[in-house]
Amino acid sequence: MNLKIPVLSLFLSCVPVIGAHAAIVQFDDRSVFEANAGAVTLQDFEGFAAEVDAFEDAAFDFGDFSAFNGPNAFSGGDIGVPPAGGNFGSTNVIIGATFISAAVFELTFDSPISAIGFDAGELADQRSDRIIFDNAAGDVLTVFDPVDQLRFWGFISDTPFTTLTISQIGFSSGGGDGDGFTIDNLAYAVVPEPSTGLLFASGLAMLAARRRQGSQRRPTKGRSARAAKSPFEPGYARGSMRPSVHGWILSRGLDRGSRP
């Protein structure tokens, strides 16, 4: 089920980011994340039937985004009832599994987004994972959770991205190769497109500006700064600033009946 949640932007209050780039801000509190992310859409996966291997080695379309999990020996790629340690009080979750130099978990959105947040069970528990964003900076965060727990993970990027990838790169003495986790209540903020009304107003403004420029009086080529001759002077026809042939002839004494 997708739910639109409008929220107001507040002053940024967050947990320090774990990583080398300041382009990504990380949150561990959903309310603070949503206050800074703007309007978000919520997917709780309740509208999808449980399915084993729904997105293992093949993308599964959830509407605004698709999920993909590489081949694995765990339940990575399933839609279903959360296992022990991954229950958020809901019926359905999506289950991911990553391995060192092997399976990865990906969420790919149809439109660019600027923020993503979700509840996760046992993500990066005693394991080191990388969260990779395909934004302009190519930001990569290294995350580690020393205990098995249910918690919120939220990220806001200062440049849009469409794909978030989770991969495992190591583990502590209590972990191992293979990070299985659940994700639920996924919130994301789609980057708004320019509105039709705004584009129309911009077009009208440009048209008005061009019309004003075209209506401005332009100086006539070749006009002298001196005062123009009277139209009664020889060489000019009455009511016209252009010389008449008759006046030109009179000025030279060449009118009909005259002799050289």
C-alpha atoms as a PDB file:
ATOM      1  CA  MET A   1       0.000   0.000   0.000  1.00  0.00           C
ATOM      2  CA  ASN A   2       1.364   3.415  -0.999  1.00  0.00           C
ATOM      3  CA  LEU A   3       0.612   6.293   1.355  1.00  0.00           C
ATOM      4  CA  LYS A   4       1.453   9.953   0.682  1.00  0.00           C
ATOM      5  CA  ILE A   5       2.743  11.679   3.809  1.00  0.00           C
ATOM      6  CA  PRO A   6       3.112  15.488   3.465  1.00  0.00           C
ATOM      7  CA  VAL A   7       5.446  16.958   6.042  1.00  0.00           C
ATOM      8  CA  LEU A   8       7.067  20.296   6.723  1.00  0.00           C
ATOM      9  CA  SER A   9      10.783  20.865   6.284  1.00  0.00           C
ATOM     10  CA  LEU A  10      12.491  21.674   9.547  1.00  0.00           C
ATOM     11  CA  PHE A  11      16.020  22.564  10.510  1.00  0.00           C
ATOM     12  CA  LEU A  12      18.270  19.615   9.828  1.00  0.00           C
ATOM     13  CA  SER A  13      18.682  17.392  12.854  1.00  0.00           C
ATOM     14  CA  CYS A  14      20.403  14.140  12.232  1.00  0.00           C
ATOM     15  CA  VAL A  15      22.883  11.483  13.186  1.00  0.00           C
ATOM     16  CA  PRO A  16      26.357  12.104  11.720  1.00  0.00           C
ATOM     17  CA  VAL A  17      26.880  10.306   8.443  1.00  0.00           C
ATOM     18  CA  ILE A  18      29.207   7.324   8.304  1.00  0.00           C
ATOM     19  CA  GLY A  19      31.233   7.869   5.179  1.00  0.00           C
ATOM     20  CA  ALA A  20      33.563  10.173   3.296  1.00  0.00           C
ATOM     21  CA  HIS A  21      30.986  12.321   1.499  1.00  0.00           C
ATOM     22  CA  ALA A  22      28.892  15.081   3.023  1.00  0.00           C
ATOM     23  CA  ALA A  23      26.365  14.748   0.169  1.00  0.00           C
ATOM     24  CA  ILE A  24      24.475  12.039   2.108  1.00  0.00           C
ATOM     25  CA  VAL A  25      22.931  12.669   5.525  1.00  0.00           C
ATOM     26  CA  GLN A  26      22.022   9.588   7.585  1.00  0.00           C
ATOM     27  CA  PHE A  27      19.153   9.345  10.096  1.00  0.00           C
ATOM     28  CA  ASP A  28      18.182   6.753  12.705  1.00  0.00           C
ATOM     29  CA  ASP A  29      14.876   8.392  13.674  1.00  0.00           C
ATOM     30  CA  ARG A  30      11.943   8.145  11.266  1.00  0.00           C
ATOM     31  CA  SER A  31      10.166  11.307  12.424  1.00  0.00           C
ATOM     32  CA  VAL A  32      13.276  13.442  12.031  1.00  0.00           C
ATOM     33  CA  PHE A  33      13.960  11.870   8.629  1.00  0.00           C
ATOM     34  CA  GLU A  34      10.443  12.595   7.364  1.00  0.00           C
ATOM     35  CA  ALA A  35      10.576  16.167   8.686  1.00  0.00           C
ATOM     36  CA  ASN A  36      13.656  16.823   6.555  1.00  0.00           C
ATOM     37  CA  ALA A  37      12.793  14.709   3.517  1.00  0.00           C
ATOM     38  CA  GLY A  38       9.649  16.625   2.510  1.00  0.00           C
ATOM     39  CA  ALA A  39       6.650  14.775   1.054  1.00  0.00           C
ATOM     40  CA  VAL A  40       7.291  11.033   1.085  1.00  0.00           C
ATOM     41  CA  THR A  41       5.502   7.950  -0.225  1.00  0.00           C
ATOM     42  CA  LEU A  42       5.219   4.912   2.058  1.00  0.00           C
ATOM     43  CA  GLN A  43       5.245   1.301   0.828  1.00  0.00           C
ATOM     44  CA  ASP A  44       4.386  -1.279   3.503  1.00  0.00           C
ATOM     45  CA  PHE A  45       4.213  -4.283   1.105  1.00  0.00           C
ATOM     46  CA  GLU A  46       0.850  -5.365   2.532  1.00  0.00           C
ATOM     47  CA  GLY A  47      -0.728  -5.287  -0.929  1.00  0.00           C
ATOM     48  CA  PHE A  48       1.538  -8.024  -2.280  1.00  0.00           C
ATOM     49  CA  ALA A  49       1.123 -11.758  -1.872  1.00  0.00           C
ATOM     50  CA  ALA A  50       3.862 -13.750  -0.167  1.00  0.00           C
ATOM     51  CA  GLU A  51       6.187 -15.248  -2.749  1.00  0.00           C
ATOM     52  CA  VAL A  52       9.427 -17.200  -2.425  1.00  0.00           C
ATOM     53  CA  ASP A  53      12.237 -15.951  -4.678  1.00  0.00           C
ATOM     54  CA  ALA A  54       9.998 -13.148  -5.987  1.00  0.00           C
ATOM     55  CA  PHE A  55      13.011 -10.995  -6.861  1.00  0.00           C
ATOM     56  CA  GLU A  56      15.960 -13.382  -6.557  1.00  0.00           C
ATOM     57  CA  ASP A  57      18.038 -13.052  -9.735  1.00  0.00           C
ATOM     58  CA  ALA A  58      15.151 -11.152 -11.385  1.00  0.00           C
ATOM     59  CA  ALA A  59      13.608  -7.730 -10.733  1.00  0.00           C
ATOM     60  CA  PHE A  60      10.147  -7.503  -9.142  1.00  0.00           C
ATOM     61  CA  ASP A  61       8.008  -4.418  -9.776  1.00  0.00           C
ATOM     62  CA  PHE A  62       6.479  -2.836  -6.650  1.00  0.00           C
ATOM     63  CA  GLY A  63       4.965   0.109  -8.534  1.00  0.00           C
ATOM     64  CA  ASP A  64       7.254   3.124  -8.193  1.00  0.00           C
ATOM     65  CA  PHE A  65      10.331   0.929  -7.844  1.00  0.00           C
ATOM     66  CA  SER A  66      11.642  -2.584  -8.394  1.00  0.00           C
ATOM     67  CA  ALA A  67      13.699  -4.854  -6.122  1.00  0.00           C
ATOM     68  CA  PHE A  68      16.467  -7.247  -7.102  1.00  0.00           C
ATOM     69  CA  ASN A  69      18.592  -9.683  -5.099  1.00  0.00           C
ATOM     70  CA  GLY A  70      21.439 -11.722  -6.520  1.00  0.00           C
ATOM     71  CA  PRO A  71      21.439 -15.530  -6.212  1.00  0.00           C
ATOM     72  CA  ASN A  72      21.942 -16.640  -2.599  1.00  0.00           C
ATOM     73  CA  ALA A  73      21.544 -19.566  -0.248  1.00  0.00           C
ATOM     74  CA  PHE A  74      19.342 -17.610   2.140  1.00  0.00           C
ATOM     75  CA  SER A  75      15.831 -16.217   1.671  1.00  0.00           C
ATOM     76  CA  GLY A  76      17.082 -13.136  -0.167  1.00  0.00           C
ATOM     77  CA  GLY A  77      14.503 -12.156  -2.766  1.00  0.00           C
ATOM     78  CA  ASP A  78      11.409 -13.292  -0.863  1.00  0.00           C
ATOM     79  CA  ILE A  79       8.192 -11.440  -0.079  1.00  0.00           C
ATOM     80  CA  GLY A  80       6.609 -12.869   3.020  1.00  0.00           C
ATOM     81  CA  VAL A  81       6.116 -13.130   6.726  1.00  0.00           C
ATOM     82  CA  PRO A  82       9.169 -11.789   8.549  1.00  0.00           C
ATOM     83  CA  PRO A  83      11.367 -14.436  10.180  1.00  0.00           C
ATOM     84  CA  ALA A  84      12.400 -14.292  13.819  1.00  0.00           C
ATOM     85  CA  GLY A  85      14.393 -11.134  14.449  1.00  0.00           C
ATOM     86  CA  GLY A  86      12.751  -9.236  11.607  1.00  0.00           C
ATOM     87  CA  ASN A  87       9.182  -8.650  12.756  1.00  0.00           C
ATOM     88  CA  PHE A  88       7.809  -5.094  12.653  1.00  0.00           C
ATOM     89  CA  GLY A  89       4.282  -6.105  13.551  1.00  0.00           C
ATOM     90  CA  SER A  90       3.281  -6.357   9.882  1.00  0.00           C
ATOM     91  CA  THR A  91       2.222  -9.261   7.688  1.00  0.00           C
ATOM     92  CA  ASN A  92       4.638  -8.802   4.805  1.00  0.00           C
ATOM     93  CA  VAL A  93       8.224  -7.644   4.445  1.00  0.00           C
ATOM     94  CA  ILE A  94      10.825  -7.998   1.716  1.00  0.00           C
ATOM     95  CA  ILE A  95      13.880 -10.080   2.540  1.00  0.00           C
ATOM     96  CA  GLY A  96      17.375  -9.387   1.289  1.00  0.00           C
ATOM     97  CA  ALA A  97      20.677 -11.235   1.514  1.00  0.00           C
ATOM     98  CA  THR A  98      24.160 -10.124   0.521  1.00  0.00           C
ATOM     99  CA  PHE A  99      27.515 -11.905   0.434  1.00  0.00           C
ATOM    100  CA  ILE A 100      31.085 -10.699   0.151  1.00  0.00           C
ATOM    101  CA  SER A 101      31.989 -10.442  -3.548  1.00  0.00           C
ATOM    102  CA  ALA A 102      28.703 -12.144  -4.453  1.00  0.00           C
ATOM    103  CA  ALA A 103      24.995 -11.350  -4.109  1.00  0.00           C
ATOM    104  CA  VAL A 104      23.858  -7.732  -3.792  1.00  0.00           C
ATOM    105  CA  PHE A 105      20.483  -6.192  -2.963  1.00  0.00           C
ATOM    106  CA  GLU A 106      19.125  -3.330  -5.098  1.00  0.00           C
ATOM    107  CA  LEU A 107      16.164  -0.965  -5.131  1.00  0.00           C
ATOM    108  CA  THR A 108      15.704   0.894  -8.430  1.00  0.00           C
ATOM    109  CA  PHE A 109      13.148   3.715  -8.728  1.00  0.00           C
ATOM    110  CA  ASP A 110      11.250   4.754 -11.842  1.00  0.00           C
ATOM    111  CA  SER A 111      11.882   8.451 -11.116  1.00  0.00           C
ATOM    112  CA  PRO A 112      14.779  10.208  -9.348  1.00  0.00           C
ATOM    113  CA  ILE A 113      14.441  10.437  -5.568  1.00  0.00           C
ATOM    114  CA  SER A 114      16.238  12.541  -2.976  1.00  0.00           C
ATOM    115  CA  ALA A 115      15.533  10.523   0.189  1.00  0.00           C
ATOM    116  CA  ILE A 116      14.913   6.948   1.270  1.00  0.00           C
ATOM    117  CA  GLY A 117      14.239   5.406   4.685  1.00  0.00           C
ATOM    118  CA  PHE A 118      13.076   2.022   5.964  1.00  0.00           C
ATOM    119  CA  ASP A 119      12.748  -0.219   8.975  1.00  0.00           C
ATOM    120  CA  ALA A 120      15.284  -3.044   8.798  1.00  0.00           C
ATOM    121  CA  GLY A 121      15.881  -6.132  10.839  1.00  0.00           C
ATOM    122  CA  GLU A 122      19.455  -7.352  11.297  1.00  0.00           C
ATOM    123  CA  LEU A 123      20.906  -5.198   8.504  1.00  0.00           C
ATOM    124  CA  ALA A 124      24.707  -4.982   8.874  1.00  0.00           C
ATOM    125  CA  ASP A 125      24.474  -6.873  12.168  1.00  0.00           C
ATOM    126  CA  GLN A 126      28.092  -7.610  13.150  1.00  0.00           C
ATOM    127  CA  ARG A 127      28.869  -7.171   9.461  1.00  0.00           C
ATOM    128  CA  SER A 128      30.232  -4.323   7.374  1.00  0.00           C
ATOM    129  CA  ASP A 129      27.976  -3.363   4.485  1.00  0.00           C
ATOM    130  CA  ARG A 130      28.227  -0.746   1.795  1.00  0.00           C
ATOM    131  CA  ILE A 131      25.240   1.344   0.816  1.00  0.00           C
ATOM    132  CA  ILE A 132      25.833   2.695  -2.674  1.00  0.00           C
ATOM    133  CA  PHE A 133      23.932   5.597  -4.281  1.00  0.00           C
ATOM    134  CA  ASP A 134      24.024   6.262  -8.021  1.00  0.00           C
ATOM    135  CA  ASN A 135      23.867  10.040  -7.531  1.00  0.00           C
ATOM    136  CA  ALA A 136      26.202  12.525  -9.215  1.00  0.00           C
ATOM    137  CA  ALA A 137      28.825  12.089  -6.482  1.00  0.00           C
ATOM    138  CA  GLY A 138      28.593   8.273  -6.526  1.00  0.00           C
ATOM    139  CA  ASP A 139      28.336   8.278  -2.737  1.00  0.00           C
ATOM    140  CA  VAL A 140      29.181   5.094  -0.833  1.00  0.00           C
ATOM    141  CA  LEU A 141      28.531   4.705   2.906  1.00  0.00           C
ATOM    142  CA  THR A 142      30.010   1.945   5.064  1.00  0.00           C
ATOM    143  CA  VAL A 143      27.610   0.846   7.818  1.00  0.00           C
ATOM    144  CA  PHE A 144      28.065  -1.532  10.748  1.00  0.00           C
ATOM    145  CA  ASP A 145      25.668  -2.546  13.518  1.00  0.00           C
ATOM    146  CA  PRO A 146      27.335  -4.267  16.494  1.00  0.00           C
ATOM    147  CA  VAL A 147      24.146  -6.060  17.574  1.00  0.00           C
ATOM    148  CA  ASP A 148      21.153  -7.800  15.994  1.00  0.00           C
ATOM    149  CA  GLN A 149      18.274  -5.365  16.151  1.00  0.00           C
ATOM    150  CA  LEU A 150      15.291  -3.769  14.506  1.00  0.00           C
ATOM    151  CA  ARG A 151      16.022  -0.168  13.620  1.00  0.00           C
ATOM    152  CA  PHE A 152      15.335   2.642  11.176  1.00  0.00           C
ATOM    153  CA  TRP A 153      17.780   3.581   8.445  1.00  0.00           C
ATOM    154  CA  GLY A 154      17.256   6.872   6.609  1.00  0.00           C
ATOM    155  CA  PHE A 155      19.300   8.743   3.998  1.00  0.00           C
ATOM    156  CA  ILE A 156      18.883  12.113   2.283  1.00  0.00           C
ATOM    157  CA  SER A 157      21.034  13.054  -0.707  1.00  0.00           C
ATOM    158  CA  ASP A 158      21.687  16.585  -1.950  1.00  0.00           C
ATOM    159  CA  THR A 159      21.636  15.232  -5.537  1.00  0.00           C
ATOM    160  CA  PRO A 160      18.973  12.894  -6.990  1.00  0.00           C
ATOM    161  CA  PHE A 161      19.505   9.153  -7.380  1.00  0.00           C
ATOM    162  CA  THR A 162      17.473   6.233  -8.716  1.00  0.00           C
ATOM    163  CA  THR A 163      19.259   3.125  -7.391  1.00  0.00           C
ATOM    164  CA  LEU A 164      20.324   2.119  -3.888  1.00  0.00           C
ATOM    165  CA  THR A 165      22.584  -0.945  -3.622  1.00  0.00           C
ATOM    166  CA  ILE A 166      23.520  -2.876  -0.476  1.00  0.00           C
ATOM    167  CA  SER A 167      26.559  -5.157  -0.526  1.00  0.00           C
ATOM    168  CA  GLN A 168      28.634  -6.863   2.174  1.00  0.00           C
ATOM    169  CA  ILE A 169      32.344  -6.166   2.439  1.00  0.00           C
ATOM    170  CA  GLY A 170      33.326  -7.772   5.792  1.00  0.00           C
ATOM    171  CA  PHE A 171      32.261  -8.988   9.233  1.00  0.00           C
ATOM    172  CA  SER A 172      33.348  -8.937  12.856  1.00  0.00           C
ATOM    173  CA  SER A 173      34.230 -11.959  15.005  1.00  0.00           C
ATOM    174  CA  GLY A 174      30.536 -12.509  15.740  1.00  0.00           C
ATOM    175  CA  GLY A 175      29.439 -12.295  12.117  1.00  0.00           C
ATOM    176  CA  GLY A 176      30.092 -14.214   8.942  1.00  0.00           C
ATOM    177  CA  ASP A 177      29.940 -14.115   5.160  1.00  0.00           C
ATOM    178  CA  GLY A 178      26.290 -13.526   4.395  1.00  0.00           C
ATOM    179  CA  ASP A 179      24.051 -10.743   5.671  1.00  0.00           C
ATOM    180  CA  GLY A 180      20.355 -11.612   5.719  1.00  0.00           C
ATOM    181  CA  PHE A 181      17.909  -8.806   6.577  1.00  0.00           C
ATOM    182  CA  THR A 182      14.295  -7.681   6.289  1.00  0.00           C
ATOM    183  CA  ILE A 183      12.960  -4.326   5.049  1.00  0.00           C
ATOM    184  CA  ASP A 184       9.522  -2.842   5.748  1.00  0.00           C
ATOM    185  CA  ASN A 185       7.709   0.519   5.744  1.00  0.00           C
ATOM    186  CA  LEU A 186       9.841   1.917   2.946  1.00  0.00           C
ATOM    187  CA  ALA A 187       9.542   5.726   2.608  1.00  0.00           C
ATOM    188  CA  TYR A 188      10.950   7.715  -0.303  1.00  0.00           C
ATOM    189  CA  ALA A 189      10.772  11.276  -1.644  1.00  0.00           C
ATOM    190  CA  VAL A 190      10.421  11.634  -5.406  1.00  0.00           C
ATOM    191  CA  VAL A 191      12.112  14.697  -6.905  1.00  0.00           C
ATOM    192  CA  PRO A 192       9.227  16.894  -8.195  1.00  0.00           C
ATOM    193  CA  GLU A 193       9.086  17.703 -11.900  1.00  0.00           C
ATOM    194  CA  PRO A 194       8.467  21.284 -13.071  1.00  0.00           C
ATOM    195  CA  SER A 195       4.724  21.889 -13.048  1.00  0.00           C
ATOM    196  CA  THR A 196       2.823  22.508 -16.283  1.00  0.00           C
ATOM    197  CA  GLY A 197       1.527  25.796 -14.906  1.00  0.00           C
ATOM    198  CA  LEU A 198       5.022  27.037 -14.170  1.00  0.00           C
ATOM    199  CA  LEU A 199       6.212  26.177 -17.670  1.00  0.00           C
ATOM    200  CA  PHE A 200       3.168  27.908 -19.220  1.00  0.00           C
ATOM    201  CA  ALA A 201       3.731  31.057 -17.153  1.00  0.00           C
ATOM    202  CA  SER A 202       7.397  31.116 -18.155  1.00  0.00           C
ATOM    203  CA  GLY A 203       6.406  30.851 -21.821  1.00  0.00           C
ATOM    204  CA  LEU A 204       3.979  33.766 -21.513  1.00  0.00           C
ATOM    205  CA  ALA A 205       6.623  35.907 -19.829  1.00  0.00           C
ATOM    206  CA  MET A 206       9.104  35.212 -22.620  1.00  0.00           C
ATOM    207  CA  LEU A 207       6.508  36.026 -25.284  1.00  0.00           C
ATOM    208  CA  ALA A 208       5.612  39.331 -23.583  1.00  0.00           C
ATOM    209  CA  ALA A 209       9.280  40.290 -23.335  1.00  0.00           C
ATOM    210  CA  ARG A 210       9.805  39.649 -27.037  1.00  0.00           C
ATOM    211  CA  ARG A 211       6.761  41.700 -27.949  1.00  0.00           C
ATOM    212  CA  ARG A 212       8.004  44.608 -25.846  1.00  0.00           C
ATOM    213  CA  GLN A 213      11.369  44.452 -27.581  1.00  0.00           C
ATOM    214  CA  GLY A 214       9.723  44.377 -30.995  1.00  0.00           C
ATOM    215  CA  SER A 215       7.543  47.404 -30.209  1.00  0.00           C
ATOM    216  CA  GLN A 216      10.485  49.624 -29.321  1.00  0.00           C
ATOM    217  CA  ARG A 217      11.175  52.321 -31.954  1.00  0.00           C
ATOM    218  CA  ARG A 218      14.364  51.680 -33.855  1.00  0.00           C
ATOM    219  CA  PRO A 219      16.494  54.494 -35.382  1.00  0.00           C
ATOM    220  CA  THR A 220      16.182  54.865 -39.178  1.00  0.00           C
ATOM    221  CA  LYS A 221      19.326  53.936 -41.115  1.00  0.00           C
ATOM    222  CA  GLY A 222      21.172  56.816 -42.715  1.00  0.00           C
ATOM    223  CA  ARG A 223      19.194  59.594 -41.001  1.00  0.00           C
ATOM    224  CA  SER A 224      21.256  62.710 -40.452  1.00  0.00           C
ATOM    225  CA  ALA A 225      21.269  64.555 -37.147  1.00  0.00           C
ATOM    226  CA  ARG A 226      20.462  67.798 -39.007  1.00  0.00           C
ATOM    227  CA  ALA A 227      16.874  68.925 -39.436  1.00  0.00           C
ATOM    228  CA  ALA A 228      15.074  67.532 -42.483  1.00  0.00           C
ATOM    229  CA  LYS A 229      14.378  69.839 -45.411  1.00  0.00           C
ATOM    230  CA  SER A 230      10.953  71.370 -45.760  1.00  0.00           C
ATOM    231  CA  PRO A 231       8.713  69.413 -48.073  1.00  0.00           C
ATOM    232  CA  PHE A 232       8.226  72.701 -49.955  1.00  0.00           C
ATOM    233  CA  GLU A 233      11.853  72.841 -50.957  1.00  0.00           C
ATOM    234  CA  PRO A 234      12.748  71.676 -54.449  1.00  0.00           C
ATOM    235  CA  GLY A 235      13.445  67.979 -54.634  1.00  0.00           C
ATOM    236  CA  TYR A 236      10.616  66.897 -52.293  1.00  0.00           C
ATOM    237  CA  ALA A 237       6.985  66.185 -53.035  1.00  0.00           C
ATOM    238  CA  ARG A 238       4.333  67.680 -50.785  1.00  0.00           C
ATOM    239  CA  GLY A 239       3.309  65.286 -48.027  1.00  0.00           C
ATOM    240  CA  SER A 240       6.270  63.011 -48.567  1.00  0.00           C
ATOM    241  CA  MET A 241       9.835  62.877 -47.316  1.00  0.00           C
ATOM    242  CA  ARG A 242      10.913  61.124 -50.503  1.00  0.00           C
ATOM    243  CA  PRO A 243      12.121  63.326 -53.435  1.00  0.00           C
ATOM    244  CA  SER A 244       9.708  63.586 -56.410  1.00  0.00           C
ATOM    245  CA  VAL A 245      10.991  63.212 -59.933  1.00  0.00           C
ATOM    246  CA  HIS A 246       9.269  66.473 -60.910  1.00  0.00           C
ATOM    247  CA  GLY A 247      10.911  68.429 -58.121  1.00  0.00           C
ATOM    248  CA  TRP A 248      14.285  66.938 -59.015  1.00  0.00           C
ATOM    249  CA  ILE A 249      13.869  68.104 -62.625  1.00  0.00           C
ATOM    250  CA  LEU A 250      12.782  71.623 -61.556  1.00  0.00           C
ATOM    251  CA  SER A 251      15.798  72.001 -59.344  1.00  0.00           C
ATOM    252  CA  ARG A 252      18.033  71.522 -62.356  1.00  0.00           C
ATOM    253  CA  GLY A 253      16.051  73.649 -64.810  1.00  0.00           C
ATOM    254  CA  LEU A 254      15.205  70.628 -66.920  1.00  0.00           C
ATOM    255  CA  ASP A 255      11.424  70.924 -66.822  1.00  0.00           C
ATOM    256  CA  ARG A 256       9.468  70.559 -69.979  1.00  0.00           C
ATOM    257  CA  GLY A 257       9.902  73.664 -72.141  1.00  0.00           C
ATOM    258  CA  SER A 258      13.296  74.669 -70.780  1.00  0.00           C
ATOM    259  CA  ARG A 259      16.404  74.752 -72.933  1.00  0.00           C
ATOM    260  CA  PRO A 260      19.968  73.901 -72.027  1.00  0.00           C
END
